[in-house]
């Protein structure tokens, strides 16, 4: 029985690829600076400093899409790309973890 094939990344324009990549990089940096998860100020500081560059790259990707006439964000396709690139797990690291010590409210 052949091994299951990894899901394939959908076809994206160069600007859509830059959009997805920049967004994921920004999410990773936000996760490193997340006060509910960070363990050291220096690492969080470095992530916050790098976030400026990733936000600029994200803006530039969206600007490029807009200028090229890509007026619609194809959410289904881009969400599929995010899933293939492990975006769900990466984005969960930005959230505040549940307080496991507290009882139900």
N, C-alpha and C. Protein backbone atom coordinates (compact mmCIF):
# COMPACT_ATOMS: atom_id res chain seq x y z
N UNK A 1 0.86 -1.18 0.00
CA UNK A 1 0.00 0.00 0.00
C UNK A 1 0.90 1.23 0.00
N UNK A 2 0.73 2.13 -0.96
CA UNK A 2 1.57 3.33 -1.02
C UNK A 2 1.25 4.29 0.12
N UNK A 3 2.26 5.02 0.53
CA UNK A 3 2.08 6.00 1.60
C UNK A 3 1.15 7.11 1.13
N UNK A 4 0.31 7.62 2.04
CA UNK A 4 -0.59 8.71 1.63
C UNK A 4 0.23 9.93 1.22
N UNK A 5 -0.26 10.58 0.20
CA UNK A 5 0.43 11.75 -0.34
C UNK A 5 0.14 12.97 0.54
N UNK A 6 1.16 13.78 0.76
CA UNK A 6 0.94 15.03 1.48
C UNK A 6 0.01 15.91 0.66
N UNK A 7 -0.82 16.70 1.35
CA UNK A 7 -1.69 17.60 0.59
C UNK A 7 -0.85 18.57 -0.21
N UNK A 8 -1.31 18.87 -1.38
CA UNK A 8 -0.58 19.78 -2.27
C UNK A 8 -0.99 21.22 -2.01
N UNK A 9 -0.01 22.09 -2.12
CA UNK A 9 -0.26 23.52 -2.01
C UNK A 9 -1.03 23.95 -3.26
N UNK A 10 -2.12 24.70 -3.10
CA UNK A 10 -2.86 25.14 -4.28
C UNK A 10 -2.04 26.14 -5.09
N UNK A 11 -2.39 26.28 -6.35
CA UNK A 11 -1.71 27.25 -7.21
C UNK A 11 -2.06 28.66 -6.73
N UNK A 12 -1.03 29.45 -6.50
CA UNK A 12 -1.21 30.83 -6.03
C UNK A 12 -0.41 31.77 -6.92
N UNK A 13 -0.88 33.00 -7.00
CA UNK A 13 -0.06 34.00 -7.67
C UNK A 13 1.14 34.31 -6.78
N UNK A 14 2.13 34.96 -7.33
CA UNK A 14 3.30 35.32 -6.54
C UNK A 14 2.90 36.21 -5.35
N UNK A 15 1.98 37.15 -5.60
CA UNK A 15 1.53 38.05 -4.53
C UNK A 15 0.74 37.28 -3.48
N UNK A 16 -0.09 36.33 -3.89
CA UNK A 16 -0.83 35.52 -2.91
C UNK A 16 0.14 34.69 -2.06
N UNK A 17 1.16 34.15 -2.70
CA UNK A 17 2.17 33.40 -1.95
C UNK A 17 2.87 34.29 -0.93
N UNK A 18 3.21 35.50 -1.34
CA UNK A 18 3.86 36.45 -0.43
C UNK A 18 2.90 36.82 0.70
N UNK A 19 1.63 36.97 0.38
CA UNK A 19 0.60 37.29 1.38
C UNK A 19 0.55 36.18 2.44
N UNK A 20 0.44 34.93 2.00
CA UNK A 20 0.35 33.79 2.91
C UNK A 20 1.64 33.66 3.72
N UNK A 21 2.77 33.73 3.05
CA UNK A 21 4.06 33.58 3.75
C UNK A 21 4.26 34.68 4.78
N UNK A 22 3.97 35.92 4.41
CA UNK A 22 4.15 37.04 5.34
C UNK A 22 3.20 36.94 6.53
N UNK A 23 1.98 36.51 6.25
CA UNK A 23 1.01 36.37 7.33
C UNK A 23 1.47 35.30 8.32
N UNK A 24 1.92 34.16 7.80
CA UNK A 24 2.40 33.09 8.67
C UNK A 24 3.63 33.52 9.47
N UNK A 25 4.53 34.25 8.83
CA UNK A 25 5.71 34.73 9.54
C UNK A 25 5.32 35.70 10.65
N UNK A 26 4.34 36.56 10.37
CA UNK A 26 3.86 37.49 11.40
C UNK A 26 3.19 36.72 12.55
N UNK A 27 2.42 35.70 12.22
CA UNK A 27 1.78 34.87 13.25
C UNK A 27 2.85 34.21 14.12
N UNK A 28 3.89 33.67 13.50
CA UNK A 28 4.96 33.03 14.27
C UNK A 28 5.62 34.02 15.22
N UNK A 29 5.83 35.24 14.74
CA UNK A 29 6.45 36.26 15.60
C UNK A 29 5.51 36.69 16.73
N UNK A 30 4.23 36.84 16.41
CA UNK A 30 3.26 37.17 17.46
C UNK A 30 3.22 36.07 18.52
N UNK A 31 3.33 34.82 18.08
CA UNK A 31 3.33 33.71 19.03
C UNK A 31 4.55 33.78 19.94
N UNK A 32 5.69 34.15 19.38
CA UNK A 32 6.90 34.26 20.22
C UNK A 32 6.81 35.41 21.21
N UNK A 33 6.03 36.44 20.87
CA UNK A 33 5.88 37.59 21.76
C UNK A 33 4.62 37.50 22.62
N UNK A 34 3.86 36.43 22.49
CA UNK A 34 2.62 36.25 23.24
C UNK A 34 2.91 36.26 24.74
N UNK A 35 2.39 37.24 25.48
CA UNK A 35 2.67 37.31 26.92
C UNK A 35 2.18 36.10 27.70
N UNK A 36 1.21 35.39 27.17
CA UNK A 36 0.71 34.20 27.85
C UNK A 36 1.57 32.97 27.59
N UNK A 37 2.53 33.09 26.68
CA UNK A 37 3.35 31.93 26.33
C UNK A 37 4.85 32.21 26.38
N UNK A 38 5.26 33.46 26.28
CA UNK A 38 6.68 33.80 26.25
C UNK A 38 7.33 33.44 27.58
N UNK A 39 8.58 33.04 27.52
CA UNK A 39 9.29 32.67 28.75
C UNK A 39 10.39 33.67 29.10
N UNK A 40 10.84 34.45 28.12
CA UNK A 40 11.91 35.43 28.37
C UNK A 40 11.60 36.72 27.62
N UNK A 41 11.92 37.83 28.24
CA UNK A 41 11.65 39.12 27.61
C UNK A 41 12.49 39.33 26.36
N UNK A 42 13.72 38.84 26.36
CA UNK A 42 14.60 39.09 25.22
C UNK A 42 14.03 38.44 23.95
N UNK A 43 13.58 37.21 24.05
CA UNK A 43 13.00 36.54 22.89
C UNK A 43 11.74 37.25 22.40
N UNK A 44 10.91 37.69 23.34
CA UNK A 44 9.70 38.42 22.97
C UNK A 44 10.05 39.76 22.33
N UNK A 45 11.08 40.42 22.86
CA UNK A 45 11.53 41.69 22.29
C UNK A 45 12.03 41.50 20.87
N UNK A 46 12.84 40.49 20.64
CA UNK A 46 13.36 40.23 19.29
C UNK A 46 12.22 39.92 18.32
N UNK A 47 11.24 39.17 18.78
CA UNK A 47 10.09 38.86 17.93
C UNK A 47 9.32 40.12 17.60
N UNK A 48 9.12 40.99 18.59
CA UNK A 48 8.38 42.24 18.36
C UNK A 48 9.14 43.14 17.39
N UNK A 49 10.45 43.17 17.50
CA UNK A 49 11.25 43.98 16.58
C UNK A 49 11.14 43.45 15.15
N UNK A 50 11.19 42.15 14.99
CA UNK A 50 11.10 41.55 13.66
C UNK A 50 9.70 41.67 13.07
N UNK A 51 8.71 41.78 13.94
CA UNK A 51 7.33 41.88 13.49
C UNK A 51 7.10 43.09 12.58
N UNK A 52 7.81 44.16 12.83
CA UNK A 52 7.68 45.35 12.00
C UNK A 52 8.00 45.02 10.54
N UNK A 53 9.08 44.29 10.32
CA UNK A 53 9.46 43.91 8.95
C UNK A 53 8.45 42.98 8.31
N UNK A 54 7.91 42.06 9.08
CA UNK A 54 6.92 41.13 8.52
C UNK A 54 5.61 41.85 8.21
N UNK A 55 5.23 42.81 9.06
CA UNK A 55 4.01 43.60 8.79
C UNK A 55 4.20 44.40 7.51
N UNK A 56 5.39 44.92 7.30
CA UNK A 56 5.69 45.66 6.07
C UNK A 56 5.60 44.72 4.86
N UNK A 57 6.14 43.52 4.98
CA UNK A 57 6.06 42.55 3.89
C UNK A 57 4.62 42.16 3.60
N UNK A 58 3.82 42.02 4.65
CA UNK A 58 2.40 41.70 4.48
C UNK A 58 1.69 42.82 3.75
N UNK A 59 1.95 44.05 4.18
CA UNK A 59 1.36 45.21 3.50
C UNK A 59 1.79 45.25 2.04
N UNK A 60 3.06 45.02 1.78
CA UNK A 60 3.56 45.07 0.40
C UNK A 60 2.92 44.00 -0.48
N UNK A 61 2.71 42.81 0.08
CA UNK A 61 2.06 41.74 -0.69
C UNK A 61 0.64 42.13 -1.05
N UNK A 62 -0.08 42.68 -0.10
CA UNK A 62 -1.46 43.11 -0.37
C UNK A 62 -1.50 44.29 -1.33
N UNK A 63 -0.55 45.19 -1.21
CA UNK A 63 -0.46 46.31 -2.15
C UNK A 63 -0.22 45.80 -3.56
N UNK A 64 0.69 44.85 -3.68
CA UNK A 64 0.98 44.27 -4.98
C UNK A 64 -0.25 43.60 -5.58
N UNK A 65 -0.98 42.86 -4.77
CA UNK A 65 -2.20 42.22 -5.25
C UNK A 65 -3.19 43.27 -5.75
N UNK A 66 -3.37 44.31 -4.95
CA UNK A 66 -4.33 45.36 -5.31
C UNK A 66 -3.91 46.07 -6.60
N UNK A 67 -2.64 46.41 -6.71
CA UNK A 67 -2.17 47.12 -7.90
C UNK A 67 -2.24 46.26 -9.15
N UNK A 68 -2.13 44.96 -9.00
CA UNK A 68 -2.21 44.06 -10.15
C UNK A 68 -3.64 43.71 -10.52
N UNK A 69 -4.60 44.28 -9.80
CA UNK A 69 -6.00 44.04 -10.10
C UNK A 69 -6.56 42.81 -9.40
N UNK A 70 -5.80 42.23 -8.48
CA UNK A 70 -6.31 41.10 -7.70
C UNK A 70 -7.13 41.68 -6.56
N UNK A 71 -8.39 42.00 -6.87
CA UNK A 71 -9.22 42.70 -5.89
C UNK A 71 -9.91 41.76 -4.91
N UNK A 72 -10.01 40.48 -5.25
CA UNK A 72 -10.68 39.52 -4.38
C UNK A 72 -9.66 38.67 -3.66
N UNK A 73 -9.91 38.42 -2.40
CA UNK A 73 -9.12 37.46 -1.64
C UNK A 73 -9.87 36.14 -1.75
N UNK A 74 -9.23 35.16 -2.34
CA UNK A 74 -9.86 33.85 -2.53
C UNK A 74 -9.67 33.04 -1.25
N UNK A 75 -10.58 33.27 -0.31
CA UNK A 75 -10.42 32.73 1.03
C UNK A 75 -10.32 31.21 1.06
N UNK A 76 -11.11 30.52 0.24
CA UNK A 76 -11.09 29.06 0.25
C UNK A 76 -9.70 28.56 -0.15
N UNK A 77 -9.17 29.11 -1.22
CA UNK A 77 -7.86 28.70 -1.72
C UNK A 77 -6.75 29.07 -0.74
N UNK A 78 -6.80 30.28 -0.21
CA UNK A 78 -5.76 30.72 0.71
C UNK A 78 -5.84 29.96 2.03
N UNK A 79 -7.04 29.65 2.48
CA UNK A 79 -7.19 28.85 3.70
C UNK A 79 -6.62 27.46 3.49
N UNK A 80 -6.81 26.91 2.30
CA UNK A 80 -6.24 25.60 1.98
C UNK A 80 -4.71 25.66 2.03
N UNK A 81 -4.16 26.73 1.48
CA UNK A 81 -2.71 26.91 1.52
C UNK A 81 -2.23 27.02 2.97
N UNK A 82 -2.96 27.76 3.79
CA UNK A 82 -2.58 27.90 5.19
C UNK A 82 -2.61 26.56 5.91
N UNK A 83 -3.61 25.74 5.61
CA UNK A 83 -3.68 24.42 6.25
C UNK A 83 -2.50 23.55 5.85
N UNK A 84 -2.16 23.57 4.55
CA UNK A 84 -1.02 22.78 4.08
C UNK A 84 0.27 23.23 4.76
N UNK A 85 0.37 24.52 5.04
CA UNK A 85 1.57 25.09 5.66
C UNK A 85 1.48 25.11 7.19
N UNK A 86 0.56 24.34 7.75
CA UNK A 86 0.43 24.18 9.20
C UNK A 86 -0.04 25.47 9.89
N UNK A 87 -0.81 26.27 9.17
CA UNK A 87 -1.26 27.55 9.70
C UNK A 87 -2.17 27.44 10.91
N UNK A 88 -2.97 26.39 10.98
CA UNK A 88 -3.88 26.25 12.12
C UNK A 88 -3.10 26.08 13.42
N UNK A 89 -2.12 25.20 13.42
CA UNK A 89 -1.31 24.99 14.63
C UNK A 89 -0.52 26.26 14.96
N UNK A 90 0.04 26.89 13.95
CA UNK A 90 0.84 28.09 14.17
C UNK A 90 -0.02 29.23 14.73
N UNK A 91 -1.24 29.37 14.22
CA UNK A 91 -2.12 30.44 14.70
C UNK A 91 -2.61 30.17 16.12
N UNK A 92 -2.76 28.92 16.50
CA UNK A 92 -3.19 28.60 17.88
C UNK A 92 -2.20 29.11 18.92
N UNK A 93 -0.93 29.23 18.55
CA UNK A 93 0.08 29.69 19.50
C UNK A 93 -0.07 31.18 19.83
N UNK A 94 -0.88 31.89 19.05
CA UNK A 94 -1.11 33.32 19.29
C UNK A 94 -2.19 33.51 20.36
N UNK A 95 -3.02 32.52 20.56
CA UNK A 95 -4.15 32.65 21.49
C UNK A 95 -3.68 32.53 22.94
N UNK A 96 -4.57 32.89 23.84
CA UNK A 96 -4.32 32.74 25.27
C UNK A 96 -4.74 31.32 25.64
N UNK A 97 -3.83 30.55 26.23
CA UNK A 97 -4.21 29.18 26.60
C UNK A 97 -5.29 29.18 27.67
N UNK A 98 -6.08 28.11 27.66
CA UNK A 98 -7.12 27.97 28.67
C UNK A 98 -6.47 27.81 30.03
N UNK A 99 -7.11 28.38 31.03
CA UNK A 99 -6.64 28.24 32.40
C UNK A 99 -7.12 26.89 32.91
N UNK A 100 -6.24 25.96 33.00
CA UNK A 100 -6.60 24.59 33.40
C UNK A 100 -6.81 24.48 34.90
N UNK A 101 -6.35 25.48 35.67
CA UNK A 101 -6.51 25.45 37.11
C UNK A 101 -7.88 25.94 37.55
N UNK A 102 -8.49 26.79 36.75
CA UNK A 102 -9.77 27.40 37.13
C UNK A 102 -10.91 26.41 36.84
N UNK A 103 -11.89 26.45 37.69
CA UNK A 103 -13.08 25.63 37.49
C UNK A 103 -14.01 26.28 36.48
N UNK A 104 -15.09 25.64 36.15
CA UNK A 104 -16.05 26.23 35.20
C UNK A 104 -16.70 27.48 35.78
N UNK A 105 -16.97 28.41 34.90
CA UNK A 105 -17.62 29.66 35.34
C UNK A 105 -19.07 29.69 34.96
